[in-house]
Amino acid sequence: MNSNAAPRRILIVEDEVHIARGLIFNLEQEGYAVHHVENGKEALDLLDQESFDLLVLDLMLPDISGLDVCRHVREHFPDILILMLTALGTDEDRITGLSRGADDYLSKPFNLDEFLLRVKALLRRAPMAQAQSTSNLYRFGDNRVDLEQGHAHTPRGDFDLTDLEIKMLKVLIRKAGQIVSRAELLQEVWGVTPDTETRTLDNFVVRLRKYFEKNPARPVHIQTVRGRGYRFVRKQA
């Protein structure tokens, strides 16, 4: 793995904590950035907030089945690779998992060395440059934004954001769900004192809504909280 490149990001969805801990330890020893959740709902919620290169997905989960998670991920996050794990090892189970969109399938109990080789082989399919681009890609609603390059793909078309536009969007995304005051935005984006009177901030909000909102007059992602500031909401109601 190139030491100068961002580590490949892996999400483990496994309700058996002792298994997850072993996988996390060994994957981190290989230089991967690993996150773990114990059920399908947590996985889908996290995938709505962060980007991953590989999903290690247990088939038997306590809430949403691994097959349903797999199908959802393949429909909404087609770039994510999926390695499915299951105690059910029949050919029929394997074929079902692959038909739902899994890229590879490993039956429990499995050899740890084989697991690591499968992970390495899967990630080799996507060039590192592509993986880095994917990790910078942020999705909300029907929009996709490369937070490093500043390129946005939206139902209204493709846009190249200015440095200040992307900086403002990053602040809102970082504090998603929270109210961000005008003073915070003025300080973090423009570096001006909170008591500065300026219409610049309002103009930037108008522009971002024009890019990303289906109806800029009734925004669902970049909301105004009257008298307090703005709030970014990733998912549409």
Protein backbone atom coordinates (compact mmCIF):
# COMPACT_ATOMS: atom_id res chain seq x y z
CA MET A 1 0.00 0.00 0.00
CA ASN A 2 1.37 3.44 -0.95
CA SER A 3 2.26 5.20 2.30
CA ASN A 4 1.52 8.59 0.71
CA ALA A 5 -2.01 7.63 -0.31
CA ALA A 6 -5.10 7.83 1.85
CA PRO A 7 -5.89 4.43 3.43
CA ARG A 8 -8.66 2.40 1.85
CA ARG A 9 -11.82 2.66 3.95
CA ILE A 10 -13.66 -0.50 5.05
CA LEU A 11 -17.01 -0.77 6.83
CA ILE A 12 -17.65 -4.01 8.74
CA VAL A 13 -21.30 -4.87 9.39
CA GLU A 14 -21.16 -7.73 11.90
CA ASP A 15 -23.28 -8.33 15.01
CA GLU A 16 -20.87 -10.90 16.50
CA VAL A 17 -18.56 -8.48 18.27
CA HIS A 18 -15.75 -10.99 18.90
CA ILE A 19 -15.53 -11.70 15.18
CA ALA A 20 -15.63 -8.00 14.33
CA ARG A 21 -12.83 -7.19 16.77
CA GLY A 22 -10.54 -9.76 15.19
CA LEU A 23 -11.25 -8.46 11.69
CA ILE A 24 -10.75 -4.85 12.75
CA PHE A 25 -7.41 -5.57 14.39
CA ASN A 26 -6.02 -7.47 11.41
CA LEU A 27 -7.33 -5.06 8.80
CA GLU A 28 -5.85 -2.10 10.68
CA GLN A 29 -2.54 -3.97 10.85
CA GLU A 30 -2.68 -4.08 7.05
CA GLY A 31 -3.08 -0.30 6.94
CA TYR A 32 -6.81 -0.02 6.24
CA ALA A 33 -9.11 2.53 7.90
CA VAL A 34 -11.86 0.42 9.49
CA HIS A 35 -15.26 1.28 10.94
CA HIS A 36 -17.66 -1.21 12.54
CA VAL A 37 -21.43 -1.26 13.07
CA GLU A 38 -23.57 -4.11 14.42
CA ASN A 39 -26.71 -3.93 12.30
CA GLY A 40 -28.06 -3.01 8.90
CA LYS A 41 -29.78 0.22 9.92
CA GLU A 42 -26.58 1.63 11.39
CA ALA A 43 -24.75 0.63 8.22
CA LEU A 44 -27.21 2.38 5.90
CA ASP A 45 -27.28 5.49 8.11
CA LEU A 46 -23.47 5.66 8.07
CA LEU A 47 -23.27 5.11 4.32
CA ASP A 48 -25.52 8.15 3.92
CA GLN A 49 -22.88 10.19 5.76
CA GLU A 50 -19.51 8.73 4.76
CA SER A 51 -17.85 7.04 1.80
CA PHE A 52 -16.24 3.60 1.92
CA ASP A 53 -14.30 1.48 -0.55
CA LEU A 54 -15.38 -1.92 0.77
CA LEU A 55 -18.29 -3.28 2.78
CA VAL A 56 -17.67 -6.48 4.76
CA LEU A 57 -21.25 -7.58 5.29
CA ASP A 58 -22.60 -10.38 7.48
CA LEU A 59 -25.62 -12.09 5.96
CA MET A 60 -27.38 -12.82 9.27
CA LEU A 61 -28.08 -9.47 10.95
CA PRO A 62 -30.53 -8.77 13.80
CA ASP A 63 -32.67 -6.22 11.95
CA ILE A 64 -32.39 -5.69 8.20
CA SER A 65 -31.06 -8.80 6.49
CA GLY A 66 -27.63 -8.69 4.90
CA LEU A 67 -29.23 -9.49 1.54
CA ASP A 68 -31.48 -6.43 1.79
CA VAL A 69 -28.55 -4.24 2.85
CA CYS A 70 -26.57 -5.59 -0.09
CA ARG A 71 -29.36 -4.83 -2.54
CA HIS A 72 -29.78 -1.29 -1.17
CA VAL A 73 -26.06 -0.58 -1.33
CA ARG A 74 -25.79 -1.86 -4.87
CA GLU A 75 -28.70 0.34 -5.97
CA HIS A 76 -27.58 3.52 -4.20
CA PHE A 77 -23.79 3.16 -3.83
CA PRO A 78 -22.68 1.19 -6.89
CA ASP A 79 -18.98 1.98 -6.43
CA ILE A 80 -18.71 0.21 -3.07
CA LEU A 81 -17.29 -3.32 -3.20
CA ILE A 82 -19.11 -5.91 -1.08
CA LEU A 83 -17.62 -8.99 0.59
CA MET A 84 -20.43 -11.03 2.15
CA LEU A 85 -19.85 -13.24 5.21
CA THR A 86 -22.23 -15.97 6.32
CA ALA A 87 -22.53 -19.15 8.33
CA LEU A 88 -24.75 -20.48 5.51
CA GLY A 89 -22.36 -22.04 3.06
CA THR A 90 -24.45 -23.81 0.44
CA ASP A 91 -24.06 -23.08 -3.26
CA GLU A 92 -27.62 -21.71 -3.29
CA ASP A 93 -26.79 -19.20 -0.53
CA ARG A 94 -23.63 -18.12 -2.33
CA ILE A 95 -25.48 -17.64 -5.61
CA THR A 96 -28.25 -15.68 -3.86
CA GLY A 97 -25.68 -13.36 -2.25
CA LEU A 98 -23.87 -12.77 -5.51
CA SER A 99 -27.15 -12.20 -7.36
CA ARG A 100 -28.06 -9.44 -4.88
CA GLY A 101 -24.86 -7.61 -5.78
CA ALA A 102 -22.09 -9.02 -3.59
CA ASP A 103 -18.67 -9.02 -5.25
CA ASP A 104 -17.37 -11.97 -3.24
CA TYR A 105 -18.62 -14.46 -0.66
CA LEU A 106 -16.88 -16.14 2.29
CA SER A 107 -18.40 -18.82 4.52
CA LYS A 108 -17.89 -18.92 8.29
CA PRO A 109 -15.70 -20.14 9.82
CA PHE A 110 -13.03 -18.83 7.47
CA ASN A 111 -9.28 -18.66 7.45
CA LEU A 112 -8.07 -15.17 8.40
CA ASP A 113 -5.29 -15.20 5.81
CA GLU A 114 -7.81 -16.08 3.12
CA PHE A 115 -10.08 -13.25 4.31
CA LEU A 116 -7.23 -10.72 4.04
CA LEU A 117 -6.32 -12.01 0.58
CA ARG A 118 -9.95 -11.68 -0.55
CA VAL A 119 -10.04 -8.09 0.73
CA LYS A 120 -6.78 -7.27 -1.03
CA ALA A 121 -7.97 -8.85 -4.28
CA LEU A 122 -11.26 -6.96 -4.22
CA LEU A 123 -9.65 -3.60 -3.55
CA ARG A 124 -7.16 -4.23 -6.34
CA ARG A 125 -10.10 -4.02 -8.75
CA ALA A 126 -10.42 -0.26 -8.13
CA PRO A 127 -7.27 1.78 -8.87
CA MET A 128 -6.01 3.75 -5.89
CA ALA A 129 -6.58 7.06 -7.65
CA GLN A 130 -10.23 6.12 -8.18
CA ALA A 131 -10.57 5.02 -4.56
CA GLN A 132 -9.19 8.32 -3.32
CA SER A 133 -11.64 10.19 -5.52
CA THR A 134 -14.49 8.04 -4.17
CA SER A 135 -13.48 8.72 -0.57
CA ASN A 136 -13.75 12.46 -1.26
CA LEU A 137 -17.15 12.07 -2.91
CA TYR A 138 -20.05 13.25 -0.75
CA ARG A 139 -23.62 12.37 -1.66
CA PHE A 140 -26.77 14.08 -0.45
CA GLY A 141 -30.19 13.88 -2.03
CA ASP A 142 -29.60 13.52 -5.76
CA ASN A 143 -26.32 15.45 -5.57
CA ARG A 144 -22.70 14.29 -5.61
CA VAL A 145 -19.81 16.61 -4.71
CA ASP A 146 -16.08 15.96 -4.84
CA LEU A 147 -15.02 17.82 -1.70
CA GLU A 148 -11.40 18.09 -2.83
CA GLN A 149 -11.80 18.99 -6.49
CA GLY A 150 -14.94 21.08 -5.95
CA HIS A 151 -16.83 19.45 -8.81
CA ALA A 152 -20.55 18.86 -8.28
CA HIS A 153 -22.95 16.65 -10.20
CA THR A 154 -26.61 17.56 -9.66
CA PRO A 155 -29.98 17.09 -11.41
CA ARG A 156 -29.55 20.70 -12.59
CA GLY A 157 -26.23 19.89 -14.25
CA ASP A 158 -22.54 19.81 -13.39
CA PHE A 159 -20.87 22.71 -11.58
CA ASP A 160 -17.37 23.65 -10.51
CA LEU A 161 -17.59 25.31 -7.11
CA THR A 162 -15.29 28.13 -6.07
CA ASP A 163 -12.86 27.60 -3.19
CA LEU A 164 -15.09 29.62 -0.84
CA GLU A 165 -18.24 27.78 -1.92
CA ILE A 166 -16.64 24.40 -1.21
CA LYS A 167 -15.22 25.70 2.08
CA MET A 168 -18.66 26.83 3.20
CA LEU A 169 -20.23 23.54 2.12
CA LYS A 170 -17.60 21.60 4.09
CA VAL A 171 -18.42 23.54 7.25
CA LEU A 172 -22.14 22.82 6.85
CA ILE A 173 -21.51 19.14 6.10
CA ARG A 174 -19.16 18.74 9.05
CA LYS A 175 -21.90 20.04 11.33
CA ALA A 176 -24.79 18.29 9.60
CA GLY A 177 -27.97 18.41 11.65
CA GLN A 178 -26.63 21.20 13.86
CA ILE A 179 -27.47 24.89 13.70
CA VAL A 180 -24.47 26.82 12.39
CA SER A 181 -24.63 30.50 13.23
CA ARG A 182 -23.77 33.29 10.80
CA ALA A 183 -20.90 34.21 13.12
CA GLU A 184 -19.42 30.70 12.84
CA LEU A 185 -19.63 30.73 9.06
CA LEU A 186 -18.13 34.20 8.76
CA GLN A 187 -15.23 33.20 10.97
CA GLU A 188 -14.55 29.76 9.49
CA VAL A 189 -15.06 30.58 5.80
CA TRP A 190 -14.06 34.22 5.47
CA GLY A 191 -12.03 34.75 8.66
CA VAL A 192 -13.88 37.92 9.57
CA THR A 193 -15.15 38.96 12.99
CA PRO A 194 -18.65 37.81 13.96
CA ASP A 195 -20.03 41.34 14.17
CA THR A 196 -19.17 42.10 10.54
CA GLU A 197 -22.23 43.18 8.57
CA THR A 198 -22.12 41.60 5.13
CA ARG A 199 -24.52 40.25 2.51
CA THR A 200 -21.80 37.99 1.12
CA LEU A 201 -22.91 35.06 3.28
CA ASP A 202 -26.51 35.37 2.14
CA ASN A 203 -25.40 35.47 -1.48
CA PHE A 204 -23.39 32.27 -1.01
CA VAL A 205 -26.39 30.50 0.55
CA VAL A 206 -28.52 31.55 -2.43
CA ARG A 207 -25.91 30.15 -4.84
CA LEU A 208 -25.54 26.83 -3.03
CA ARG A 209 -29.31 26.41 -2.95
CA LYS A 210 -29.48 27.16 -6.66
CA TYR A 211 -26.96 24.37 -7.28
CA PHE A 212 -28.32 21.69 -4.96
CA GLU A 213 -31.97 22.27 -4.09
CA LYS A 214 -34.80 20.98 -6.26
CA ASN A 215 -36.77 24.05 -5.20
CA PRO A 216 -34.40 26.78 -3.95
CA ALA A 217 -37.33 28.71 -2.53
CA ARG A 218 -38.18 25.75 -0.27
CA PRO A 219 -34.80 24.23 0.58
CA VAL A 220 -34.56 20.82 2.22
CA HIS A 221 -30.76 20.53 2.51
CA ILE A 222 -29.56 24.05 3.39
CA GLN A 223 -32.21 25.27 5.77
CA THR A 224 -32.55 28.66 7.42
CA VAL A 225 -33.21 28.58 11.17
CA ARG A 226 -34.71 31.98 11.74
CA GLY A 227 -32.66 34.21 14.01
CA ARG A 228 -30.05 31.49 14.63
CA GLY A 229 -28.32 30.57 11.37
CA TYR A 230 -28.36 27.60 9.00
CA ARG A 231 -28.68 23.83 9.24
CA PHE A 232 -27.53 21.26 6.72
CA VAL A 233 -29.72 18.16 6.29
CA ARG A 234 -28.37 15.34 4.17
CA LYS A 235 -31.44 13.21 3.55
CA GLN A 236 -34.68 14.50 2.14
CA ALA A 237 -37.77 13.86 4.22
